Amino acid sequence: MVNSEIIQRQSLIVSKFKKMGDEGATFNEIENYLDKMSFRSGNNYRLTKRTFERDLIDIRRNFKIEIRYNFSDKCYKIVHEEFHEITSRIFEAFNIGNALSLMEKVSPFIILEKEQQHGTEHLNPLLYAMQERWQILLTYCSFENEDPNTYRLIPLCLKEYRRRWYLVAKDDFFNQIKHYALDRIRKLEISDRRFPQITDFDMEKHFQYCFGVTIPPDSSPQEVVLSISVEKGKYLKTLPLHPTQKILVDNEKELRIGLKVYLSYDFIIELLSMGEHLKVISPQSLKDELKQIYRKSLEN
C-alpha cells in the first residue's frame, strides 16, 4: 500500500474515534468501517489486527493522538490528544481528499471553487532552503511592477491567507523583512550560500497583530472596538475576526468586540464587507478612513 493510502487509513481511524467520543470502538467496528470506506472509495483501507496496532503507534507518534484499549469497556478510546494546527490541517486535507476520491460518483453533489492555487510547487524547495539554511535567488513580479526583479533572500517562514501562500523573507542587502506571494514568483533558485541561525525573528510574534499578511510600514497595532449586528454577530462568535478578538458586550441589540490589529488594507476590506452590520466605535482614525471610502463610493 502506498504511503498516501496508509495516512488516509489512519485519518479515517482517527475520524471514527472522534465521532464515537467516549463510547470508543472495538476492533471489529473499525474493521467494518474501513471495509465500508474501501468499498465506497475504491481504495484499500482494510487491515489486520497487527496492522491496526502499528497504525495506533504511528498515530501517537505523528499526530500526537493516543488511542488505547480500555479493558473495562472492552473497546479502544482516545485517551490523550494534543491539538496542533498543522495536524488538524493534515486531517482536514485527507478528509477532503477521501471525499474527492469519489468524484465520479459524487460530482453532481459537490461545487468546487474555480480559483486554483498557484505557486504551491515552490513550497517544498522553500521549506528545504529554510531547514538547511540556504539563501535563495527569487525572480519576482509584484502587482505594482510587471517587470521581474531578482532578489537574494533569507527565507524565514511561509504563511497561508485566503487560499494563497506567501513567503516571509529577509532582504539582507536592505536589512528588511518582506512578504512575497508564491503565485508571483517567476523563478526560484537555491543558492550556494548559507545563512546563520536566525535568532531575532519570531514568526508568531511577527504576525500576532496582523490581519492577513500585510503590515503597514511605520505603524503600530491599534486597539479596535466594533459593534456588530446580532445577526452578523452569530457568525463572528463561531468564527472570530482575529485571534485577539474579545467579546465586550453580547445582548439582544449588538455584539461588541475588541481586537488589537494593524489597520491594514486587508483589515479595511474585511470591515467594508460587513456593510450595514458594522459600526466602528474606536479608534477615530479608523472611523474617518471608512467614512472617506464610503463618500468616494457614493461619488462613483
Protein backbone atom coordinates (compact mmCIF):
# COMPACT_ATOMS: atom_id res chain seq x y z
CA MET A 1 0.00 0.00 0.00
CA VAL A 2 1.36 3.47 -0.92
CA ASN A 3 2.08 5.93 1.87
CA SER A 4 -0.86 8.19 0.97
CA GLU A 5 -3.32 5.32 1.47
CA ILE A 6 -1.72 4.48 4.83
CA ILE A 7 -2.16 8.07 6.02
CA GLN A 8 -5.69 8.17 4.60
CA ARG A 9 -6.49 4.99 6.52
CA GLN A 10 -5.04 6.44 9.71
CA SER A 11 -7.03 9.65 9.23
CA LEU A 12 -10.18 7.55 8.83
CA ILE A 13 -9.37 5.69 12.05
CA VAL A 14 -8.94 8.97 13.94
CA SER A 15 -12.14 10.41 12.41
CA LYS A 16 -14.07 7.33 13.50
CA PHE A 17 -12.80 7.58 17.09
CA LYS A 18 -13.55 11.31 17.23
CA LYS A 19 -17.08 10.58 16.05
CA MET A 20 -17.56 7.84 18.66
CA GLY A 21 -16.37 10.09 21.50
CA ASP A 22 -16.45 8.50 24.97
CA GLU A 23 -18.16 5.38 23.60
CA GLY A 24 -15.00 4.25 21.85
CA ALA A 25 -14.93 1.49 19.24
CA THR A 26 -13.98 -2.17 19.07
CA PHE A 27 -11.51 -3.51 16.53
CA ASN A 28 -14.38 -5.21 14.69
CA GLU A 29 -16.22 -1.87 14.41
CA ILE A 30 -13.08 -0.21 12.99
CA GLU A 31 -12.56 -3.17 10.64
CA ASN A 32 -16.16 -2.95 9.35
CA TYR A 33 -15.92 0.81 8.99
CA LEU A 34 -12.73 0.58 6.90
CA ASP A 35 -14.27 -2.17 4.76
CA LYS A 36 -17.21 0.12 4.06
CA MET A 37 -14.93 3.08 3.23
CA SER A 38 -12.82 0.84 0.95
CA PHE A 39 -15.96 -0.18 -0.96
CA ARG A 40 -17.13 3.43 -1.27
CA SER A 41 -13.82 4.91 -2.42
CA GLY A 42 -12.31 2.09 -4.43
CA ASN A 43 -9.18 2.26 -2.25
CA ASN A 44 -7.91 -0.49 0.01
CA TYR A 45 -8.13 0.57 3.67
CA ARG A 46 -8.59 -2.97 5.03
CA LEU A 47 -6.27 -4.06 7.81
CA THR A 48 -5.36 -6.83 10.20
CA LYS A 49 -5.21 -6.57 13.98
CA ARG A 50 -1.41 -6.33 13.77
CA THR A 51 -1.59 -3.51 11.20
CA PHE A 52 -4.14 -1.72 13.38
CA GLU A 53 -1.77 -1.81 16.37
CA ARG A 54 1.01 -0.44 14.15
CA ASP A 55 -1.30 2.35 12.98
CA LEU A 56 -2.01 3.31 16.60
CA ILE A 57 1.73 3.69 17.20
CA ASP A 58 2.09 5.87 14.07
CA ILE A 59 -0.93 7.97 15.05
CA ARG A 60 0.54 8.57 18.52
CA ARG A 61 3.99 9.43 17.14
CA ASN A 62 3.00 11.53 14.12
CA PHE A 63 -0.29 13.13 15.17
CA LYS A 64 0.04 13.23 18.99
CA ILE A 65 -3.22 11.32 19.44
CA GLU A 66 -3.06 8.34 21.79
CA ILE A 67 -5.63 5.57 21.38
CA ARG A 68 -5.60 2.68 23.86
CA TYR A 69 -7.61 -0.41 24.64
CA ASN A 70 -9.93 0.08 27.64
CA PHE A 71 -10.21 -3.28 29.38
CA SER A 72 -13.27 -2.37 31.47
CA ASP A 73 -15.28 -1.20 28.43
CA LYS A 74 -13.66 -3.75 26.07
CA CYS A 75 -13.02 -1.19 23.34
CA TYR A 76 -10.44 1.33 22.13
CA LYS A 77 -10.68 5.01 23.09
CA ILE A 78 -8.78 8.27 22.62
CA VAL A 79 -7.01 8.83 25.94
CA HIS A 80 -4.83 11.81 25.01
CA GLU A 81 -4.78 14.36 22.22
CA GLU A 82 -2.51 17.35 21.65
CA PHE A 83 -4.06 19.95 19.38
CA HIS A 84 -1.72 21.25 16.69
CA GLU A 85 -2.85 23.41 13.77
CA ILE A 86 -0.69 21.54 11.24
CA THR A 87 -2.02 18.15 12.37
CA SER A 88 -5.57 19.49 12.17
CA ARG A 89 -4.98 20.73 8.62
CA ILE A 90 -3.45 17.40 7.57
CA PHE A 91 -6.56 15.55 8.72
CA GLU A 92 -8.78 18.16 7.09
CA ALA A 93 -6.90 17.70 3.80
CA PHE A 94 -7.22 13.93 3.90
CA ASN A 95 -10.92 14.09 4.79
CA ILE A 96 -11.45 16.31 1.76
CA GLY A 97 -9.24 14.01 -0.30
CA ASN A 98 -11.28 10.99 0.75
CA ALA A 99 -14.46 12.79 -0.33
CA LEU A 100 -13.00 13.93 -3.65
CA SER A 101 -11.67 10.45 -4.41
CA LEU A 102 -15.32 9.62 -5.06
CA MET A 103 -15.52 12.47 -7.58
CA GLU A 104 -17.02 10.48 -10.45
CA LYS A 105 -19.82 9.22 -8.21
CA VAL A 106 -20.49 12.40 -6.23
CA SER A 107 -19.70 15.16 -8.75
CA PRO A 108 -23.41 16.16 -9.03
CA PHE A 109 -23.36 16.94 -5.29
CA ILE A 110 -20.11 18.98 -4.96
CA ILE A 111 -19.41 22.51 -6.19
CA LEU A 112 -15.72 23.43 -6.09
CA GLU A 113 -14.29 26.92 -6.31
CA LYS A 114 -12.97 27.59 -9.79
CA GLU A 115 -9.97 29.52 -8.48
CA GLN A 116 -6.86 27.36 -8.37
CA GLN A 117 -3.92 27.81 -6.04
CA HIS A 118 -0.78 28.78 -7.93
CA GLY A 119 2.78 28.73 -6.67
CA THR A 120 2.39 25.69 -4.43
CA GLU A 121 5.16 23.98 -6.44
CA HIS A 122 7.56 26.30 -4.58
CA LEU A 123 6.55 25.04 -1.11
CA ASN A 124 8.92 22.06 -0.93
CA PRO A 125 12.09 23.82 -2.19
CA LEU A 126 11.41 26.78 0.11
CA LEU A 127 10.94 24.52 3.14
CA TYR A 128 14.17 22.72 2.24
CA ALA A 129 16.04 26.05 1.99
CA MET A 130 14.68 27.12 5.40
CA GLN A 131 15.58 23.85 7.11
CA GLU A 132 19.09 23.68 5.63
CA ARG A 133 19.64 27.47 5.87
CA TRP A 134 20.36 28.16 2.20
CA GLN A 135 19.81 31.62 0.77
CA ILE A 136 17.54 31.79 -2.27
CA LEU A 137 17.51 33.76 -5.52
CA LEU A 138 13.96 34.89 -6.24
CA THR A 139 12.82 36.34 -9.56
CA TYR A 140 9.57 38.11 -8.71
CA CYS A 141 6.84 40.20 -10.35
CA SER A 142 4.76 42.31 -7.98
CA PHE A 143 1.28 43.55 -8.89
CA GLU A 144 2.65 47.10 -8.94
CA ASN A 145 5.55 46.28 -11.28
CA GLU A 146 5.20 43.70 -14.04
CA ASP A 147 8.92 43.81 -14.81
CA PRO A 148 10.59 40.95 -12.91
CA ASN A 149 13.31 41.68 -10.36
CA THR A 150 15.71 39.18 -8.81
CA TYR A 151 16.44 39.25 -5.09
CA ARG A 152 18.85 37.37 -2.87
CA LEU A 153 16.83 36.47 0.24
CA ILE A 154 16.96 34.64 3.54
CA PRO A 155 13.72 32.59 3.70
CA LEU A 156 12.14 32.78 7.16
CA CYS A 157 8.67 31.21 7.03
CA LEU A 158 5.59 30.53 4.92
CA LYS A 159 2.09 31.85 5.62
CA GLU A 160 -1.26 30.97 4.09
CA TYR A 161 -4.01 33.56 3.73
CA ARG A 162 -7.25 33.10 1.79
CA ARG A 163 -6.04 30.21 -0.35
CA ARG A 164 -2.77 31.98 -1.25
CA TRP A 165 0.68 31.20 0.10
CA TYR A 166 3.23 33.87 0.99
CA LEU A 167 6.96 33.73 1.68
CA VAL A 168 8.28 35.86 4.52
CA ALA A 169 11.94 36.57 3.80
CA LYS A 170 14.72 38.92 4.82
CA ASP A 171 16.39 41.02 2.17
CA ASP A 172 19.92 41.02 3.53
CA PHE A 173 21.05 43.93 1.36
CA PHE A 174 18.36 46.32 2.69
CA ASN A 175 18.04 44.52 6.06
CA GLN A 176 14.24 44.40 5.64
CA ILE A 177 11.64 41.68 6.12
CA LYS A 178 9.23 41.48 3.19
CA HIS A 179 6.38 39.25 2.01
CA TYR A 180 6.22 37.60 -1.42
CA ALA A 181 3.16 35.90 -2.94
CA LEU A 182 4.18 32.47 -4.24
CA ASP A 183 1.97 32.83 -7.32
CA ARG A 184 4.02 35.90 -8.37
CA ILE A 185 7.33 34.02 -8.32
CA ARG A 186 8.75 33.62 -11.82
CA LYS A 187 11.89 31.70 -10.88
CA LEU A 188 13.25 30.21 -7.67
CA GLU A 189 16.82 29.01 -7.18
CA ILE A 190 18.52 27.71 -4.06
CA SER A 191 21.89 29.45 -3.91
CA ASP A 192 25.23 28.08 -2.73
CA ARG A 193 25.35 30.49 0.22
CA ARG A 194 24.20 29.52 3.69
CA PHE A 195 22.82 31.93 6.26
CA PRO A 196 23.44 31.81 10.03
CA GLN A 197 20.80 30.68 12.52
CA ILE A 198 18.14 33.39 12.73
CA THR A 199 17.54 34.33 16.37
CA ASP A 200 15.91 37.76 16.02
CA PHE A 201 12.77 36.66 14.13
CA ASP A 202 9.73 35.19 15.89
CA MET A 203 7.11 34.04 13.37
CA GLU A 204 4.21 34.09 15.86
CA LYS A 205 5.21 37.49 17.21
CA HIS A 206 5.65 38.91 13.68
CA PHE A 207 2.04 38.08 12.74
CA GLN A 208 0.47 38.43 16.22
CA TYR A 209 -1.47 41.61 15.37
CA CYS A 210 -1.51 41.18 11.62
CA PHE A 211 -4.76 40.77 9.69
CA GLY A 212 -3.85 38.83 6.56
CA VAL A 213 -0.19 39.15 5.55
CA THR A 214 0.48 42.87 5.19
CA ILE A 215 1.91 45.08 7.92
CA PRO A 216 1.64 48.81 7.08
CA PRO A 217 5.07 50.48 7.20
CA ASP A 218 5.85 52.73 10.18
CA SER A 219 2.71 51.68 12.03
CA SER A 220 1.76 50.01 15.28
CA PRO A 221 -1.19 47.76 16.18
CA GLN A 222 -4.34 49.58 17.31
CA GLU A 223 -7.00 48.78 19.90
CA VAL A 224 -10.20 48.46 17.85
CA VAL A 225 -13.77 48.28 19.19
CA LEU A 226 -16.55 47.22 16.83
CA SER A 227 -20.31 46.97 17.27
CA ILE A 228 -21.79 44.18 15.15
CA SER A 229 -25.44 43.41 14.45
CA VAL A 230 -26.90 40.43 16.31
CA GLU A 231 -27.37 38.60 13.00
CA LYS A 232 -23.74 39.01 11.89
CA GLY A 233 -22.52 38.55 15.46
CA LYS A 234 -23.63 34.91 15.46
CA TYR A 235 -21.04 34.19 12.77
CA LEU A 236 -18.26 36.13 14.50
CA LYS A 237 -18.80 34.20 17.73
CA THR A 238 -18.18 30.90 15.93
CA LEU A 239 -15.54 32.25 13.51
CA PRO A 240 -13.67 35.14 15.20
CA LEU A 241 -12.48 38.05 13.10
CA HIS A 242 -8.97 37.78 14.61
CA PRO A 243 -7.23 35.71 17.31
CA THR A 244 -7.15 38.78 19.60
CA GLN A 245 -10.95 39.12 19.46
CA LYS A 246 -12.66 39.54 22.82
CA ILE A 247 -16.39 39.85 23.44
CA LEU A 248 -17.17 43.05 25.35
CA VAL A 249 -20.99 43.13 25.05
CA ASP A 250 -23.36 40.41 23.90
CA ASN A 251 -27.07 41.21 24.14
CA GLU A 252 -30.23 41.43 22.03
CA LYS A 253 -29.04 44.72 20.44
CA GLU A 254 -25.42 44.09 19.47
CA LEU A 255 -22.27 42.07 19.71
CA ARG A 256 -19.47 44.40 20.72
CA ILE A 257 -15.96 43.08 20.25
CA GLY A 258 -12.47 44.35 20.91
CA LEU A 259 -9.32 43.40 18.99
CA LYS A 260 -5.77 44.57 18.55
CA VAL A 261 -4.63 44.72 14.93
CA TYR A 262 -2.70 46.72 12.37
CA LEU A 263 -5.09 48.89 10.34
CA SER A 264 -4.01 47.26 7.10
CA TYR A 265 -5.69 47.28 3.71
CA ASP A 266 -6.85 43.68 4.26
CA PHE A 267 -8.49 44.64 7.55
CA ILE A 268 -10.24 47.67 6.00
CA ILE A 269 -11.61 45.50 3.17
CA GLU A 270 -12.93 42.97 5.72
CA LEU A 271 -14.76 45.72 7.61
CA LEU A 272 -16.23 47.15 4.41
CA SER A 273 -17.62 43.72 3.55
CA MET A 274 -19.85 43.88 6.66
CA GLY A 275 -21.76 46.89 5.32
CA GLU A 276 -24.69 47.97 7.48
CA HIS A 277 -23.97 45.23 10.06
CA LEU A 278 -20.93 47.16 11.36
CA LYS A 279 -20.40 50.25 13.49
CA VAL A 280 -16.87 51.32 14.43
CA ILE A 281 -16.67 52.58 18.00
CA SER A 282 -12.94 53.30 18.03
CA PRO A 283 -10.34 54.38 17.04
CA GLN A 284 -11.40 57.67 15.45
CA SER A 285 -8.80 57.32 12.68
CA LEU A 286 -10.47 54.09 11.52
CA LYS A 287 -13.91 55.73 11.58
CA ASP A 288 -12.60 58.63 9.49
CA GLU A 289 -10.97 56.33 6.94
CA LEU A 290 -14.13 54.28 6.44
CA LYS A 291 -16.21 57.47 6.09
CA GLN A 292 -13.85 58.72 3.39
CA ILE A 293 -14.09 55.42 1.50
CA TYR A 294 -17.90 55.45 1.66
CA ARG A 295 -18.02 59.07 0.43
CA LYS A 296 -15.86 58.20 -2.59
CA SER A 297 -18.04 55.14 -3.26
CA LEU A 298 -21.18 57.32 -3.28
CA GLU A 299 -19.49 59.77 -5.65
CA ASN A 300 -18.76 56.90 -8.02
